[in-house]
Amino acid sequence: MAPDGPDPDPEITPADDPAPAHAARHGYARGLGRRFYQADSYGLVVLLIVITYGIAATVQSSTGASVVLAIQVATVWFALRTSKARRGVRLFADVVLAIALVIAVVLPFLTAGQDTSPGVLVCSAILYLIAPVSIMRHLAERPQVDAETFLGAIAAYLLIGMFFAFTYRILAVSQGTPFFGSAGDGSTPQTLFFSFTTLTTTGYGNYVPSEDLGQSIAVLEMLVGQIFLATAIAKVITSWTPRGRLRGQTQGEGNEDRSS
């Protein structure tokens, strides 16, 4: 005799229940978001780099240059702290950071109405050279590949682009001919645009260095960008297993062992 009422629902096993997977994804996204404001995370370094780029690309004055330099100081300081830079590197960086802070304070009074000064550009380039080297050393020594490793690799990649951008600006203010030939020396936003399109080998061709030194540095940036993407970023992506997925794989393996 058939039982009254509708057939009972098939049993839902823990592996079929979507609730744990949804909770894991939600918790992972929330944890990733927290990394962008934690003082010991590369997420904050990435956020500061984006803010620096935005201000440098939109504010063209001595006051804006001071703000950019101040944020650069904070970016490098957090990068060296997060990457646990070695003592000698920290001492050298502290000297450059102190000089950069002094320049950031006195710059509006010395270069009123000017775009940038050679002192700002040199300090910016040095700061952006120190940080990615320290980050990559730290990432190479990390025992696991996780979200923090991924954010660190992104931070290093963006810092490399910023380093080359300010190097181009140094050449623009120091060489006798316009850096981009008929297009002039280029403003800070134009130089940032040229640097990152070169780093990613997008190469729109609207800006081309006129001198051999600038062209050689552009070739070097292209090579560095492609090698970095093909090695560091690719290695991180292929080796990274999110915690939620790793937990699910571990549970699945345990269930298979019990069933066998």
C-alpha atoms as a PDB file:
ATOM      1  CA  MET A   1       0.000   0.000   0.000  1.00  0.00           C
ATOM      2  CA  ALA A   2       1.484   3.320  -1.059  1.00  0.00           C
ATOM      3  CA  PRO A   3       2.036   5.840   1.729  1.00  0.00           C
ATOM      4  CA  ASP A   4      -0.263   8.859   1.888  1.00  0.00           C
ATOM      5  CA  GLY A   5       1.005  12.268   0.842  1.00  0.00           C
ATOM      6  CA  PRO A   6       3.717  13.327  -1.605  1.00  0.00           C
ATOM      7  CA  ASP A   7       6.868  11.365  -2.034  1.00  0.00           C
ATOM      8  CA  PRO A   8       9.546  12.452   0.396  1.00  0.00           C
ATOM      9  CA  ASP A   9      12.348  14.563  -1.023  1.00  0.00           C
ATOM     10  CA  PRO A  10      15.522  12.700  -1.792  1.00  0.00           C
ATOM     11  CA  GLU A  11      18.092  12.896   0.930  1.00  0.00           C
ATOM     12  CA  ILE A  12      20.428  15.867   0.571  1.00  0.00           C
ATOM     13  CA  THR A  13      23.943  14.915   1.411  1.00  0.00           C
ATOM     14  CA  PRO A  14      26.419  17.436   2.809  1.00  0.00           C
ATOM     15  CA  ALA A  15      28.262  17.402  -0.513  1.00  0.00           C
ATOM     16  CA  ASP A  16      25.028  18.378  -2.359  1.00  0.00           C
ATOM     17  CA  ASP A  17      23.964  21.090   0.085  1.00  0.00           C
ATOM     18  CA  PRO A  18      24.775  24.506  -1.482  1.00  0.00           C
ATOM     19  CA  ALA A  19      24.662  26.353   1.858  1.00  0.00           C
ATOM     20  CA  PRO A  20      28.230  25.561   3.009  1.00  0.00           C
ATOM     21  CA  ALA A  21      29.652  26.444  -0.405  1.00  0.00           C
ATOM     22  CA  HIS A  22      27.744  29.752  -0.464  1.00  0.00           C
ATOM     23  CA  ALA A  23      28.895  30.584   3.053  1.00  0.00           C
ATOM     24  CA  ALA A  24      32.483  29.768   2.126  1.00  0.00           C
ATOM     25  CA  ARG A  25      32.350  32.023  -0.936  1.00  0.00           C
ATOM     26  CA  HIS A  26      30.778  34.832   1.099  1.00  0.00           C
ATOM     27  CA  GLY A  27      33.389  34.503   3.821  1.00  0.00           C
ATOM     28  CA  TYR A  28      36.203  34.436   1.284  1.00  0.00           C
ATOM     29  CA  ALA A  29      34.951  37.597  -0.462  1.00  0.00           C
ATOM     30  CA  ARG A  30      34.592  39.357   2.872  1.00  0.00           C
ATOM     31  CA  GLY A  31      38.096  38.323   3.880  1.00  0.00           C
ATOM     32  CA  LEU A  32      39.510  39.536   0.572  1.00  0.00           C
ATOM     33  CA  GLY A  33      37.809  42.907   1.054  1.00  0.00           C
ATOM     34  CA  ARG A  34      39.348  43.300   4.499  1.00  0.00           C
ATOM     35  CA  ARG A  35      42.798  43.007   2.986  1.00  0.00           C
ATOM     36  CA  PHE A  36      42.399  46.428   1.353  1.00  0.00           C
ATOM     37  CA  TYR A  37      42.370  48.264   4.668  1.00  0.00           C
ATOM     38  CA  GLN A  38      44.539  46.083   6.889  1.00  0.00           C
ATOM     39  CA  ALA A  39      47.906  47.675   7.653  1.00  0.00           C
ATOM     40  CA  ASP A  40      49.848  44.424   7.174  1.00  0.00           C
ATOM     41  CA  SER A  41      48.295  43.382   3.859  1.00  0.00           C
ATOM     42  CA  TYR A  42      49.351  43.965   0.264  1.00  0.00           C
ATOM     43  CA  GLY A  43      45.744  44.898  -0.459  1.00  0.00           C
ATOM     44  CA  LEU A  44      46.340  48.256   1.226  1.00  0.00           C
ATOM     45  CA  VAL A  45      49.489  48.737  -0.859  1.00  0.00           C
ATOM     46  CA  VAL A  46      47.484  48.120  -4.057  1.00  0.00           C
ATOM     47  CA  LEU A  47      44.852  50.611  -2.897  1.00  0.00           C
ATOM     48  CA  LEU A  48      47.484  53.275  -2.195  1.00  0.00           C
ATOM     49  CA  ILE A  49      49.050  52.732  -5.630  1.00  0.00           C
ATOM     50  CA  VAL A  50      45.667  53.243  -7.298  1.00  0.00           C
ATOM     51  CA  ILE A  51      45.098  56.437  -5.284  1.00  0.00           C
ATOM     52  CA  THR A  52      48.562  57.702  -6.209  1.00  0.00           C
ATOM     53  CA  TYR A  53      47.927  57.038  -9.901  1.00  0.00           C
ATOM     54  CA  GLY A  54      44.588  58.820  -9.758  1.00  0.00           C
ATOM     55  CA  ILE A  55      45.986  61.936  -8.087  1.00  0.00           C
ATOM     56  CA  ALA A  56      49.095  62.041 -10.293  1.00  0.00           C
ATOM     57  CA  ALA A  57      46.942  61.737 -13.413  1.00  0.00           C
ATOM     58  CA  THR A  58      44.459  64.444 -12.459  1.00  0.00           C
ATOM     59  CA  VAL A  59      46.224  67.078 -10.327  1.00  0.00           C
ATOM     60  CA  GLN A  60      48.880  69.102 -12.158  1.00  0.00           C
ATOM     61  CA  SER A  61      50.355  71.522  -9.617  1.00  0.00           C
ATOM     62  CA  SER A  62      53.087  71.727  -7.012  1.00  0.00           C
ATOM     63  CA  THR A  63      50.523  71.028  -4.293  1.00  0.00           C
ATOM     64  CA  GLY A  64      49.314  67.966  -6.153  1.00  0.00           C
ATOM     65  CA  ALA A  65      52.901  66.766  -6.564  1.00  0.00           C
ATOM     66  CA  SER A  66      53.393  67.112  -2.809  1.00  0.00           C
ATOM     67  CA  VAL A  67      50.276  65.059  -2.120  1.00  0.00           C
ATOM     68  CA  VAL A  68      51.422  62.398  -4.576  1.00  0.00           C
ATOM     69  CA  LEU A  69      54.845  62.248  -2.969  1.00  0.00           C
ATOM     70  CA  ALA A  70      53.332  61.979   0.511  1.00  0.00           C
ATOM     71  CA  ILE A  71      51.150  59.046  -0.597  1.00  0.00           C
ATOM     72  CA  GLN A  72      54.190  57.465  -2.256  1.00  0.00           C
ATOM     73  CA  VAL A  73      56.017  57.654   1.064  1.00  0.00           C
ATOM     74  CA  ALA A  74      53.099  55.905   2.775  1.00  0.00           C
ATOM     75  CA  THR A  75      52.865  53.315  -0.015  1.00  0.00           C
ATOM     76  CA  VAL A  76      56.535  52.389   0.176  1.00  0.00           C
ATOM     77  CA  TRP A  77      56.486  52.389   3.973  1.00  0.00           C
ATOM     78  CA  PHE A  78      53.579  49.935   4.046  1.00  0.00           C
ATOM     79  CA  ALA A  79      55.158  47.877   1.258  1.00  0.00           C
ATOM     80  CA  LEU A  80      58.434  47.527   3.151  1.00  0.00           C
ATOM     81  CA  ARG A  81      56.597  46.748   6.367  1.00  0.00           C
ATOM     82  CA  THR A  82      54.381  44.118   4.763  1.00  0.00           C
ATOM     83  CA  SER A  83      57.275  42.550   2.855  1.00  0.00           C
ATOM     84  CA  LYS A  84      59.441  42.431   6.014  1.00  0.00           C
ATOM     85  CA  ALA A  85      62.306  44.212   4.263  1.00  0.00           C
ATOM     86  CA  ARG A  86      65.811  43.571   5.510  1.00  0.00           C
ATOM     87  CA  ARG A  87      67.533  45.971   7.859  1.00  0.00           C
ATOM     88  CA  GLY A  88      69.862  47.514   5.262  1.00  0.00           C
ATOM     89  CA  VAL A  89      67.006  48.078   2.837  1.00  0.00           C
ATOM     90  CA  ARG A  90      64.899  49.696   5.545  1.00  0.00           C
ATOM     91  CA  LEU A  91      67.729  52.024   6.583  1.00  0.00           C
ATOM     92  CA  PHE A  92      68.323  53.172   3.012  1.00  0.00           C
ATOM     93  CA  ALA A  93      64.599  53.560   2.427  1.00  0.00           C
ATOM     94  CA  ASP A  94      64.213  55.561   5.636  1.00  0.00           C
ATOM     95  CA  VAL A  95      66.770  58.092   4.371  1.00  0.00           C
ATOM     96  CA  VAL A  96      64.967  58.441   1.040  1.00  0.00           C
ATOM     97  CA  LEU A  97      61.608  58.634   2.777  1.00  0.00           C
ATOM     98  CA  ALA A  98      62.860  61.410   5.054  1.00  0.00           C
ATOM     99  CA  ILE A  99      64.172  63.381   2.080  1.00  0.00           C
ATOM    100  CA  ALA A 100      60.890  62.810   0.253  1.00  0.00           C
ATOM    101  CA  LEU A 101      58.885  64.096   3.209  1.00  0.00           C
ATOM    102  CA  VAL A 102      60.985  67.257   3.364  1.00  0.00           C
ATOM    103  CA  ILE A 103      60.499  67.830  -0.358  1.00  0.00           C
ATOM    104  CA  ALA A 104      56.764  67.221  -0.015  1.00  0.00           C
ATOM    105  CA  VAL A 105      56.540  69.915   2.679  1.00  0.00           C
ATOM    106  CA  VAL A 106      58.659  72.630   1.045  1.00  0.00           C
ATOM    107  CA  LEU A 107      57.770  71.941  -2.595  1.00  0.00           C
ATOM    108  CA  PRO A 108      54.634  74.151  -2.769  1.00  0.00           C
ATOM    109  CA  PHE A 109      56.666  77.142  -1.555  1.00  0.00           C
ATOM    110  CA  LEU A 110      59.580  76.600  -3.969  1.00  0.00           C
ATOM    111  CA  THR A 111      57.877  75.557  -7.214  1.00  0.00           C
ATOM    112  CA  ALA A 112      54.600  77.445  -7.271  1.00  0.00           C
ATOM    113  CA  GLY A 113      52.812  76.969 -10.582  1.00  0.00           C
ATOM    114  CA  GLN A 114      55.173  74.263 -11.849  1.00  0.00           C
ATOM    115  CA  ASP A 115      54.171  70.710 -12.722  1.00  0.00           C
ATOM    116  CA  THR A 116      56.917  68.701 -11.046  1.00  0.00           C
ATOM    117  CA  SER A 117      60.515  69.215  -9.980  1.00  0.00           C
ATOM    118  CA  PRO A 118      63.532  66.965 -10.606  1.00  0.00           C
ATOM    119  CA  GLY A 119      63.818  66.286  -6.863  1.00  0.00           C
ATOM    120  CA  VAL A 120      60.282  64.923  -6.703  1.00  0.00           C
ATOM    121  CA  LEU A 121      60.826  62.753  -9.769  1.00  0.00           C
ATOM    122  CA  VAL A 122      64.101  61.286  -8.492  1.00  0.00           C
ATOM    123  CA  CYS A 123      62.631  60.489  -5.068  1.00  0.00           C
ATOM    124  CA  SER A 124      59.565  58.942  -6.699  1.00  0.00           C
ATOM    125  CA  ALA A 125      61.656  56.718  -8.965  1.00  0.00           C
ATOM    126  CA  ILE A 126      63.873  55.548  -6.090  1.00  0.00           C
ATOM    127  CA  LEU A 127      60.899  54.766  -3.872  1.00  0.00           C
ATOM    128  CA  TYR A 128      59.176  52.795  -6.609  1.00  0.00           C
ATOM    129  CA  LEU A 129      62.354  50.836  -7.317  1.00  0.00           C
ATOM    130  CA  ILE A 130      62.917  49.764  -3.711  1.00  0.00           C
ATOM    131  CA  ALA A 131      59.395  48.557  -3.008  1.00  0.00           C
ATOM    132  CA  PRO A 132      58.831  45.927  -5.760  1.00  0.00           C
ATOM    133  CA  VAL A 133      62.235  44.345  -5.160  1.00  0.00           C
ATOM    134  CA  SER A 134      61.443  43.898  -1.469  1.00  0.00           C
ATOM    135  CA  ILE A 135      57.956  42.572  -2.244  1.00  0.00           C
ATOM    136  CA  MET A 136      59.203  39.962  -4.718  1.00  0.00           C
ATOM    137  CA  ARG A 137      61.855  38.766  -2.260  1.00  0.00           C
ATOM    138  CA  HIS A 138      59.170  38.331   0.387  1.00  0.00           C
ATOM    139  CA  LEU A 139      56.783  36.520  -1.965  1.00  0.00           C
ATOM    140  CA  ALA A 140      59.526  34.130  -3.035  1.00  0.00           C
ATOM    141  CA  GLU A 141      60.081  33.170   0.622  1.00  0.00           C
ATOM    142  CA  ARG A 142      56.400  32.637   1.478  1.00  0.00           C
ATOM    143  CA  PRO A 143      55.644  28.949   2.099  1.00  0.00           C
ATOM    144  CA  GLN A 144      52.157  29.073   0.550  1.00  0.00           C
ATOM    145  CA  VAL A 145      50.444  30.760  -2.379  1.00  0.00           C
ATOM    146  CA  ASP A 146      47.249  32.511  -1.307  1.00  0.00           C
ATOM    147  CA  ALA A 147      45.297  35.734  -1.808  1.00  0.00           C
ATOM    148  CA  GLU A 148      48.019  37.729  -0.081  1.00  0.00           C
ATOM    149  CA  THR A 149      50.592  36.368  -2.520  1.00  0.00           C
ATOM    150  CA  PHE A 150      48.361  37.324  -5.447  1.00  0.00           C
ATOM    151  CA  LEU A 151      47.866  40.879  -4.142  1.00  0.00           C
ATOM    152  CA  GLY A 152      51.603  41.194  -3.522  1.00  0.00           C
ATOM    153  CA  ALA A 153      52.372  40.212  -7.107  1.00  0.00           C
ATOM    154  CA  ILE A 154      49.834  42.758  -8.393  1.00  0.00           C
ATOM    155  CA  ALA A 155      51.340  45.437  -6.147  1.00  0.00           C
ATOM    156  CA  ALA A 156      54.854  44.714  -7.426  1.00  0.00           C
ATOM    157  CA  TYR A 157      53.662  44.807 -11.036  1.00  0.00           C
ATOM    158  CA  LEU A 158      51.959  48.193 -10.577  1.00  0.00           C
ATOM    159  CA  LEU A 159      54.978  49.596  -8.733  1.00  0.00           C
ATOM    160  CA  ILE A 160      57.211  48.610 -11.652  1.00  0.00           C
ATOM    161  CA  GLY A 161      54.969  50.563 -14.021  1.00  0.00           C
ATOM    162  CA  MET A 162      55.085  53.599 -11.730  1.00  0.00           C
ATOM    163  CA  PHE A 163      58.885  53.361 -11.492  1.00  0.00           C
ATOM    164  CA  PHE A 164      59.314  53.478 -15.250  1.00  0.00           C
ATOM    165  CA  ALA A 165      56.797  56.328 -15.545  1.00  0.00           C
ATOM    166  CA  PHE A 166      58.787  58.556 -13.223  1.00  0.00           C
ATOM    167  CA  THR A 167      62.026  57.489 -14.907  1.00  0.00           C
ATOM    168  CA  TYR A 168      60.607  58.786 -18.200  1.00  0.00           C
ATOM    169  CA  ARG A 169      59.694  62.040 -16.483  1.00  0.00           C
ATOM    170  CA  ILE A 170      63.291  62.400 -15.265  1.00  0.00           C
ATOM    171  CA  LEU A 171      64.525  62.016 -18.835  1.00  0.00           C
ATOM    172  CA  ALA A 172      61.937  64.526 -20.055  1.00  0.00           C
ATOM    173  CA  VAL A 173      63.167  67.269 -17.728  1.00  0.00           C
ATOM    174  CA  SER A 174      66.857  66.473 -18.150  1.00  0.00           C
ATOM    175  CA  GLN A 175      67.433  65.845 -21.869  1.00  0.00           C
ATOM    176  CA  GLY A 176      67.761  68.695 -24.330  1.00  0.00           C
ATOM    177  CA  THR A 177      65.070  67.555 -26.769  1.00  0.00           C
ATOM    178  CA  PRO A 178      61.379  66.834 -26.090  1.00  0.00           C
ATOM    179  CA  PHE A 179      60.986  63.308 -24.746  1.00  0.00           C
ATOM    180  CA  PHE A 180      58.145  62.436 -27.146  1.00  0.00           C
ATOM    181  CA  GLY A 181      59.521  64.435 -30.068  1.00  0.00           C
ATOM    182  CA  SER A 182      56.799  66.429 -31.805  1.00  0.00           C
ATOM    183  CA  ALA A 183      54.375  65.528 -28.989  1.00  0.00           C
ATOM    184  CA  GLY A 184      56.553  67.388 -26.488  1.00  0.00           C
ATOM    185  CA  ASP A 185      57.779  66.191 -23.106  1.00  0.00           C
ATOM    186  CA  GLY A 186      54.374  64.892 -22.135  1.00  0.00           C
ATOM    187  CA  SER A 187      52.528  65.575 -18.907  1.00  0.00           C
ATOM    188  CA  THR A 188      52.486  63.234 -15.922  1.00  0.00           C
ATOM    189  CA  PRO A 189      49.186  61.606 -17.033  1.00  0.00           C
ATOM    190  CA  GLN A 190      50.560  61.073 -20.546  1.00  0.00           C
ATOM    191  CA  THR A 191      53.758  59.551 -19.170  1.00  0.00           C
ATOM    192  CA  LEU A 192      51.817  57.229 -16.874  1.00  0.00           C
ATOM    193  CA  PHE A 193      49.678  56.195 -19.846  1.00  0.00           C
ATOM    194  CA  PHE A 194      52.767  55.525 -21.945  1.00  0.00           C
ATOM    195  CA  SER A 195      54.456  53.545 -19.162  1.00  0.00           C
ATOM    196  CA  PHE A 196      51.590  51.153 -18.505  1.00  0.00           C
ATOM    197  CA  THR A 197      50.776  50.619 -22.183  1.00  0.00           C
ATOM    198  CA  THR A 198      54.464  49.804 -22.652  1.00  0.00           C
ATOM    199  CA  LEU A 199      54.571  47.519 -19.600  1.00  0.00           C
ATOM    200  CA  THR A 200      51.604  45.559 -20.914  1.00  0.00           C
ATOM    201  CA  THR A 201      52.898  45.768 -24.525  1.00  0.00           C
ATOM    202  CA  THR A 202      49.618  47.358 -25.629  1.00  0.00           C
ATOM    203  CA  GLY A 203      51.583  49.993 -27.553  1.00  0.00           C
ATOM    204  CA  TYR A 204      49.062  52.374 -29.113  1.00  0.00           C
ATOM    205  CA  GLY A 205      51.912  54.245 -30.804  1.00  0.00           C
ATOM    206  CA  ASN A 206      50.638  57.750 -30.073  1.00  0.00           C
ATOM    207  CA  TYR A 207      53.656  58.446 -27.848  1.00  0.00           C
ATOM    208  CA  VAL A 208      57.173  57.361 -28.857  1.00  0.00           C
ATOM    209  CA  PRO A 209      60.445  58.397 -27.152  1.00  0.00           C
ATOM    210  CA  SER A 210      62.584  60.490 -29.471  1.00  0.00           C
ATOM    211  CA  GLU A 211      66.031  59.665 -28.037  1.00  0.00           C
ATOM    212  CA  ASP A 212      67.907  56.368 -27.944  1.00  0.00           C
ATOM    213  CA  LEU A 213      68.034  56.258 -24.140  1.00  0.00           C
ATOM    214  CA  GLY A 214      64.283  56.636 -23.791  1.00  0.00           C
ATOM    215  CA  GLN A 215      63.660  53.998 -26.449  1.00  0.00           C
ATOM    216  CA  SER A 216      66.065  51.588 -24.741  1.00  0.00           C
ATOM    217  CA  ILE A 217      64.340  52.050 -21.377  1.00  0.00           C
ATOM    218  CA  ALA A 218      60.977  51.458 -23.060  1.00  0.00           C
ATOM    219  CA  VAL A 219      62.279  48.181 -24.509  1.00  0.00           C
ATOM    220  CA  LEU A 220      63.542  47.205 -21.052  1.00  0.00           C
ATOM    221  CA  GLU A 221      60.115  47.934 -19.565  1.00  0.00           C
ATOM    222  CA  MET A 222      58.423  45.765 -22.187  1.00  0.00           C
ATOM    223  CA  LEU A 223      60.749  42.875 -21.420  1.00  0.00           C
ATOM    224  CA  VAL A 224      60.330  43.258 -17.667  1.00  0.00           C
ATOM    225  CA  GLY A 225      56.554  43.409 -18.004  1.00  0.00           C
ATOM    226  CA  GLN A 226      56.291  40.287 -20.134  1.00  0.00           C
ATOM    227  CA  ILE A 227      58.764  38.290 -18.050  1.00  0.00           C
ATOM    228  CA  PHE A 228      56.909  39.294 -14.893  1.00  0.00           C
ATOM    229  CA  LEU A 229      53.546  38.233 -16.327  1.00  0.00           C
ATOM    230  CA  ALA A 230      54.911  34.986 -17.753  1.00  0.00           C
ATOM    231  CA  THR A 231      56.685  33.952 -14.550  1.00  0.00           C
ATOM    232  CA  ALA A 232      55.523  35.617 -11.345  1.00  0.00           C
ATOM    233  CA  ILE A 233      51.846  36.306 -12.073  1.00  0.00           C
ATOM    234  CA  ALA A 234      51.324  33.068 -14.006  1.00  0.00           C
ATOM    235  CA  LYS A 235      52.988  31.024 -11.256  1.00  0.00           C
ATOM    236  CA  VAL A 236      50.816  32.611  -8.589  1.00  0.00           C
ATOM    237  CA  ILE A 237      47.583  32.037 -10.516  1.00  0.00           C
ATOM    238  CA  THR A 238      48.347  28.394 -11.349  1.00  0.00           C
ATOM    239  CA  SER A 239      49.517  27.566  -7.809  1.00  0.00           C
ATOM    240  CA  TRP A 240      46.845  29.451  -5.882  1.00  0.00           C
ATOM    241  CA  THR A 241      43.958  27.421  -4.447  1.00  0.00           C
ATOM    242  CA  PRO A 242      41.389  29.485  -2.483  1.00  0.00           C
ATOM    243  CA  ARG A 243      40.815  28.270   1.058  1.00  0.00           C
ATOM    244  CA  GLY A 244      37.163  27.413   0.435  1.00  0.00           C
ATOM    245  CA  ARG A 245      37.991  25.274  -2.589  1.00  0.00           C
ATOM    246  CA  LEU A 246      40.887  23.638  -0.774  1.00  0.00           C
ATOM    247  CA  ARG A 247      38.592  22.824   2.142  1.00  0.00           C
ATOM    248  CA  GLY A 248      36.048  21.324  -0.246  1.00  0.00           C
ATOM    249  CA  GLN A 249      38.700  19.216  -1.951  1.00  0.00           C
ATOM    250  CA  THR A 250      39.926  17.975   1.419  1.00  0.00           C
ATOM    251  CA  GLN A 251      36.397  17.023   2.487  1.00  0.00           C
ATOM    252  CA  GLY A 252      35.805  15.295  -0.839  1.00  0.00           C
ATOM    253  CA  GLU A 253      38.951  13.250  -0.475  1.00  0.00           C
ATOM    254  CA  GLY A 254      37.890  12.305   3.041  1.00  0.00           C
ATOM    255  CA  ASN A 255      34.477  11.168   1.840  1.00  0.00           C
ATOM    256  CA  GLU A 256      36.088   9.056  -0.893  1.00  0.00           C
ATOM    257  CA  ASP A 257      38.394   7.433   1.643  1.00  0.00           C
ATOM    258  CA  ARG A 258      35.471   6.566   3.906  1.00  0.00           C
ATOM    259  CA  SER A 259      33.417   5.166   1.023  1.00  0.00           C
ATOM    260  CA  SER A 260      36.265   2.985  -0.158  1.00  0.00           C
END
